[in-house]
Structures are given as C-alpha cells and as structure tokens.
Amino acid sequence: MRKALTMLVTGAVLVANDVMPVPARADNGGLAAGIVGGLAVGTLLGAAAAPRPYYWPPPVYAEPAPAYVPVRCYWTNGEPVWDGWRGMWYRPRIQVCD
C-alpha cells in the first residue's frame, strides 16, 4: 500500500512538472532553492519507499544452567544373589553414585 501511494505521488509530481513548466532563472537564489527542495523531496520519497527493518523479539533471559558438579561414583559388591544356572551364590558388582 505504501509503495503504491509513493509511486502515485511521484507520478503526480512528474506530471505536474511537465504540465506546468516554469523557466529556471538564477536570480534571487531560485536555483539553489530548487536544488535543495529537490534533494529534500527525493530524500522523503526514498525514505517512504525503503523497506522497513524487521526487529527480532527482545531476548529472553533465563536462569543459567547449574554448574557441572562431578558425581562421585564407585564400584562395590552388592547383596548376595543365588544363581540357579551355575548353582551358587555370588555377589554382583554394582555402581554406587553419591
């Protein structure tokens, strides 16, 4: 919508310039005012036609992950278990972590 409106205004300015020509004269600073006015209008039209930047959503601050604390683990003999296949009691090794 904005680009269409910009193009319409630009076209209207160009058509108005062609329909009502005014002779350029350098007396009384008319030329300098025309240049400055043309630059100002060009800046406004360029800013209107430029794409708008997209801003990402603001950052979300979360609680930091806890520091890594090594877990102390060790291997030991567990409770005695009857092994019917071998026909004997044995103590399996188990890992214990604090």
N, C-alpha and C. Protein backbone atom coordinates (compact mmCIF):
# COMPACT_ATOMS: atom_id res chain seq x y z
N MET A 1 0.82 -1.17 0.00
CA MET A 1 0.00 0.00 0.00
C MET A 1 0.88 1.25 0.00
N ARG A 2 1.91 1.24 0.83
CA ARG A 2 2.78 2.39 0.94
C ARG A 2 3.55 2.62 -0.35
N LYS A 3 3.99 1.54 -0.97
CA LYS A 3 4.73 1.68 -2.23
C LYS A 3 3.83 2.20 -3.34
N ALA A 4 2.59 1.73 -3.35
CA ALA A 4 1.65 2.20 -4.37
C ALA A 4 1.38 3.69 -4.19
N LEU A 5 1.21 4.11 -2.95
CA LEU A 5 0.98 5.53 -2.68
C LEU A 5 2.20 6.36 -3.05
N THR A 6 3.38 5.84 -2.77
CA THR A 6 4.62 6.55 -3.13
C THR A 6 4.74 6.70 -4.64
N MET A 7 4.43 5.65 -5.35
CA MET A 7 4.51 5.71 -6.82
C MET A 7 3.47 6.68 -7.37
N LEU A 8 2.28 6.71 -6.78
CA LEU A 8 1.24 7.62 -7.22
C LEU A 8 1.65 9.08 -6.99
N VAL A 9 2.20 9.39 -5.83
CA VAL A 9 2.65 10.75 -5.54
C VAL A 9 3.80 11.13 -6.46
N THR A 10 4.73 10.23 -6.69
CA THR A 10 5.86 10.50 -7.58
C THR A 10 5.36 10.78 -9.00
N GLY A 11 4.43 9.97 -9.46
CA GLY A 11 3.85 10.19 -10.79
C GLY A 11 3.12 11.51 -10.88
N ALA A 12 2.39 11.88 -9.84
CA ALA A 12 1.67 13.15 -9.83
C ALA A 12 2.64 14.32 -9.88
N VAL A 13 3.74 14.24 -9.16
CA VAL A 13 4.74 15.31 -9.17
C VAL A 13 5.37 15.43 -10.55
N LEU A 14 5.68 14.31 -11.17
CA LEU A 14 6.28 14.35 -12.51
C LEU A 14 5.31 14.90 -13.54
N VAL A 15 4.05 14.52 -13.46
CA VAL A 15 3.06 15.02 -14.41
C VAL A 15 2.84 16.52 -14.19
N ALA A 16 2.76 16.94 -12.93
CA ALA A 16 2.58 18.36 -12.64
C ALA A 16 3.78 19.17 -13.14
N ASN A 17 4.95 18.62 -13.07
CA ASN A 17 6.15 19.30 -13.55
C ASN A 17 6.11 19.44 -15.07
N ASP A 18 5.58 18.45 -15.76
CA ASP A 18 5.51 18.52 -17.22
C ASP A 18 4.38 19.44 -17.69
N VAL A 19 3.27 19.45 -16.97
CA VAL A 19 2.11 20.25 -17.37
C VAL A 19 2.36 21.73 -17.13
N MET A 20 2.97 22.07 -16.02
CA MET A 20 3.21 23.48 -15.68
C MET A 20 4.71 23.77 -15.64
N PRO A 21 5.35 23.87 -16.79
CA PRO A 21 6.79 24.17 -16.76
C PRO A 21 7.04 25.62 -16.35
N VAL A 22 8.06 25.81 -15.59
CA VAL A 22 8.47 27.13 -15.13
C VAL A 22 9.91 27.32 -15.60
N PRO A 23 10.20 28.42 -16.26
CA PRO A 23 11.58 28.63 -16.69
C PRO A 23 12.50 28.79 -15.49
N ALA A 24 13.67 28.15 -15.55
CA ALA A 24 14.64 28.23 -14.47
C ALA A 24 15.42 29.53 -14.60
N ARG A 25 15.49 30.27 -13.52
CA ARG A 25 16.25 31.50 -13.51
C ARG A 25 17.16 31.48 -12.28
N ALA A 26 18.31 32.04 -12.41
CA ALA A 26 19.29 32.00 -11.35
C ALA A 26 19.26 33.23 -10.46
N ASP A 27 18.38 34.17 -10.71
CA ASP A 27 18.35 35.37 -9.87
C ASP A 27 17.56 35.12 -8.60
N ASN A 28 17.90 35.78 -7.54
CA ASN A 28 17.25 35.71 -6.24
C ASN A 28 17.34 34.32 -5.59
N GLY A 29 18.33 33.50 -5.92
CA GLY A 29 18.53 32.21 -5.27
C GLY A 29 17.50 31.16 -5.62
N GLY A 30 16.80 31.30 -6.71
CA GLY A 30 15.78 30.34 -7.10
C GLY A 30 16.38 29.00 -7.48
N LEU A 31 17.56 29.02 -8.10
CA LEU A 31 18.19 27.75 -8.49
C LEU A 31 18.62 26.96 -7.27
N ALA A 32 19.22 27.62 -6.28
CA ALA A 32 19.66 26.93 -5.07
C ALA A 32 18.47 26.37 -4.30
N ALA A 33 17.40 27.14 -4.24
CA ALA A 33 16.21 26.66 -3.54
C ALA A 33 15.61 25.46 -4.26
N GLY A 34 15.66 25.45 -5.58
CA GLY A 34 15.15 24.30 -6.34
C GLY A 34 15.98 23.05 -6.10
N ILE A 35 17.30 23.22 -6.04
CA ILE A 35 18.16 22.06 -5.80
C ILE A 35 17.93 21.51 -4.40
N VAL A 36 17.90 22.41 -3.41
CA VAL A 36 17.68 21.97 -2.02
C VAL A 36 16.30 21.33 -1.88
N GLY A 37 15.29 21.93 -2.49
CA GLY A 37 13.94 21.35 -2.42
C GLY A 37 13.87 20.00 -3.11
N GLY A 38 14.56 19.87 -4.24
CA GLY A 38 14.58 18.58 -4.94
C GLY A 38 15.26 17.49 -4.12
N LEU A 39 16.36 17.86 -3.47
CA LEU A 39 17.04 16.88 -2.62
C LEU A 39 16.18 16.48 -1.42
N ALA A 40 15.45 17.46 -0.86
CA ALA A 40 14.59 17.16 0.29
C ALA A 40 13.44 16.24 -0.12
N VAL A 41 12.81 16.53 -1.25
CA VAL A 41 11.70 15.69 -1.72
C VAL A 41 12.21 14.30 -2.08
N GLY A 42 13.39 14.23 -2.71
CA GLY A 42 13.97 12.93 -3.05
C GLY A 42 14.27 12.10 -1.81
N THR A 43 14.75 12.77 -0.76
CA THR A 43 15.02 12.06 0.49
C THR A 43 13.74 11.54 1.10
N LEU A 44 12.69 12.34 1.12
CA LEU A 44 11.42 11.89 1.70
C LEU A 44 10.81 10.74 0.91
N LEU A 45 10.84 10.84 -0.41
CA LEU A 45 10.28 9.75 -1.22
C LEU A 45 11.11 8.48 -1.10
N GLY A 46 12.44 8.64 -1.04
CA GLY A 46 13.29 7.46 -0.86
C GLY A 46 13.08 6.79 0.48
N ALA A 47 12.90 7.59 1.53
CA ALA A 47 12.65 7.02 2.85
C ALA A 47 11.30 6.31 2.90
N ALA A 48 10.31 6.85 2.17
CA ALA A 48 8.99 6.22 2.17
C ALA A 48 9.00 4.90 1.39
N ALA A 49 9.84 4.81 0.35
CA ALA A 49 9.87 3.61 -0.47
C ALA A 49 10.79 2.54 0.08
N ALA A 50 11.66 2.89 1.01
CA ALA A 50 12.63 1.93 1.55
C ALA A 50 11.93 0.90 2.42
N PRO A 51 12.41 -0.35 2.39
CA PRO A 51 11.79 -1.37 3.25
C PRO A 51 12.10 -1.10 4.71
N ARG A 52 11.15 -1.41 5.55
CA ARG A 52 11.32 -1.20 6.98
C ARG A 52 12.12 -2.36 7.56
N PRO A 53 13.03 -2.07 8.50
CA PRO A 53 13.79 -3.16 9.11
C PRO A 53 12.89 -3.97 10.04
N TYR A 54 13.18 -5.26 10.11
CA TYR A 54 12.43 -6.15 11.00
C TYR A 54 13.25 -6.35 12.26
N TYR A 55 12.65 -6.05 13.38
CA TYR A 55 13.34 -6.22 14.64
C TYR A 55 12.90 -7.53 15.27
N TRP A 56 13.87 -8.33 15.70
CA TRP A 56 13.58 -9.60 16.34
C TRP A 56 12.95 -9.33 17.70
N PRO A 57 12.27 -10.32 18.25
CA PRO A 57 11.70 -10.12 19.59
C PRO A 57 12.83 -9.90 20.60
N PRO A 58 12.53 -9.23 21.69
CA PRO A 58 13.57 -8.97 22.67
C PRO A 58 14.11 -10.27 23.26
N PRO A 59 15.34 -10.27 23.71
CA PRO A 59 15.91 -11.51 24.26
C PRO A 59 15.22 -11.91 25.56
N VAL A 60 15.18 -13.19 25.78
CA VAL A 60 14.58 -13.73 27.00
C VAL A 60 15.72 -14.19 27.89
N TYR A 61 15.75 -13.66 29.08
CA TYR A 61 16.82 -14.02 30.00
C TYR A 61 16.32 -15.14 30.91
N ALA A 62 16.97 -16.27 30.82
CA ALA A 62 16.59 -17.42 31.62
C ALA A 62 17.64 -17.66 32.70
N GLU A 63 17.27 -18.42 33.68
CA GLU A 63 18.20 -18.75 34.74
C GLU A 63 19.31 -19.62 34.16
N PRO A 64 20.56 -19.33 34.46
CA PRO A 64 21.64 -20.12 33.89
C PRO A 64 21.60 -21.57 34.38
N ALA A 65 22.14 -22.45 33.59
CA ALA A 65 22.19 -23.86 33.97
C ALA A 65 23.12 -24.01 35.16
N PRO A 66 22.82 -24.93 36.02
CA PRO A 66 23.70 -25.10 37.18
C PRO A 66 25.09 -25.54 36.75
N ALA A 67 26.06 -25.14 37.53
CA ALA A 67 27.44 -25.52 37.22
C ALA A 67 27.59 -27.03 37.32
N TYR A 68 28.43 -27.56 36.47
CA TYR A 68 28.64 -29.01 36.46
C TYR A 68 29.39 -29.42 37.72
N VAL A 69 28.77 -30.27 38.49
CA VAL A 69 29.39 -30.81 39.69
C VAL A 69 29.62 -32.30 39.43
N PRO A 70 30.86 -32.71 39.41
CA PRO A 70 31.10 -34.13 39.12
C PRO A 70 30.49 -35.02 40.20
N VAL A 71 29.86 -36.08 39.76
CA VAL A 71 29.24 -37.03 40.67
C VAL A 71 30.28 -38.10 40.98
N ARG A 72 30.45 -38.34 42.25
CA ARG A 72 31.43 -39.35 42.66
C ARG A 72 30.77 -40.72 42.62
N CYS A 73 31.28 -41.57 41.79
CA CYS A 73 30.76 -42.93 41.67
C CYS A 73 31.88 -43.94 41.97
N TYR A 74 31.46 -45.09 42.48
CA TYR A 74 32.43 -46.16 42.72
C TYR A 74 31.73 -47.50 42.56
N TRP A 75 32.53 -48.54 42.34
CA TRP A 75 32.02 -49.88 42.17
C TRP A 75 32.23 -50.66 43.47
N THR A 76 31.25 -51.47 43.85
CA THR A 76 31.36 -52.29 45.06
C THR A 76 30.57 -53.57 44.84
N ASN A 77 30.73 -54.49 45.77
CA ASN A 77 29.97 -55.74 45.70
C ASN A 77 28.58 -55.53 46.28
N GLY A 78 27.57 -56.05 45.58
CA GLY A 78 26.19 -55.91 46.03
C GLY A 78 25.79 -57.03 46.97
N GLU A 79 24.48 -57.15 47.20
CA GLU A 79 23.94 -58.20 48.06
C GLU A 79 24.13 -59.56 47.37
N PRO A 80 24.32 -60.62 48.14
CA PRO A 80 24.45 -61.95 47.55
C PRO A 80 23.17 -62.36 46.82
N VAL A 81 23.36 -63.00 45.65
CA VAL A 81 22.24 -63.43 44.82
C VAL A 81 22.48 -64.89 44.44
N TRP A 82 21.41 -65.70 44.49
CA TRP A 82 21.52 -67.10 44.10
C TRP A 82 21.40 -67.22 42.60
N ASP A 83 22.38 -67.86 41.97
CA ASP A 83 22.38 -68.09 40.53
C ASP A 83 22.01 -69.54 40.31
N GLY A 84 20.75 -69.79 39.90
CA GLY A 84 20.28 -71.15 39.71
C GLY A 84 20.97 -71.85 38.54
N TRP A 85 21.42 -71.14 37.56
CA TRP A 85 22.09 -71.75 36.40
C TRP A 85 23.43 -72.34 36.80
N ARG A 86 24.20 -71.56 37.57
CA ARG A 86 25.51 -72.05 37.99
C ARG A 86 25.42 -72.85 39.29
N GLY A 87 24.31 -72.66 40.02
CA GLY A 87 24.12 -73.40 41.27
C GLY A 87 24.98 -72.87 42.40
N MET A 88 25.11 -71.56 42.52
CA MET A 88 25.94 -70.98 43.58
C MET A 88 25.49 -69.56 43.89
N TRP A 89 25.94 -69.08 45.04
CA TRP A 89 25.71 -67.70 45.42
C TRP A 89 26.85 -66.85 44.85
N TYR A 90 26.49 -65.66 44.45
CA TYR A 90 27.56 -64.73 44.03
C TYR A 90 27.13 -63.31 44.37
N ARG A 91 28.13 -62.42 44.45
CA ARG A 91 27.87 -61.00 44.78
C ARG A 91 28.13 -60.18 43.52
N PRO A 92 27.08 -59.65 42.86
CA PRO A 92 27.30 -58.87 41.65
C PRO A 92 27.94 -57.52 41.99
N ARG A 93 28.72 -57.02 41.05
CA ARG A 93 29.32 -55.70 41.23
C ARG A 93 28.30 -54.66 40.81
N ILE A 94 28.12 -53.64 41.64
CA ILE A 94 27.18 -52.58 41.35
C ILE A 94 27.89 -51.23 41.44
N GLN A 95 27.36 -50.27 40.72
CA GLN A 95 27.92 -48.91 40.77
C GLN A 95 27.09 -48.06 41.70
N VAL A 96 27.75 -47.38 42.63
CA VAL A 96 27.09 -46.51 43.59
C VAL A 96 27.55 -45.10 43.34
N CYS A 97 26.58 -44.17 43.12
CA CYS A 97 26.91 -42.77 42.90
C CYS A 97 26.35 -41.94 44.04
N ASP A 98 27.13 -41.02 44.53
CA ASP A 98 26.71 -40.14 45.61
C ASP A 98 25.92 -38.96 45.08
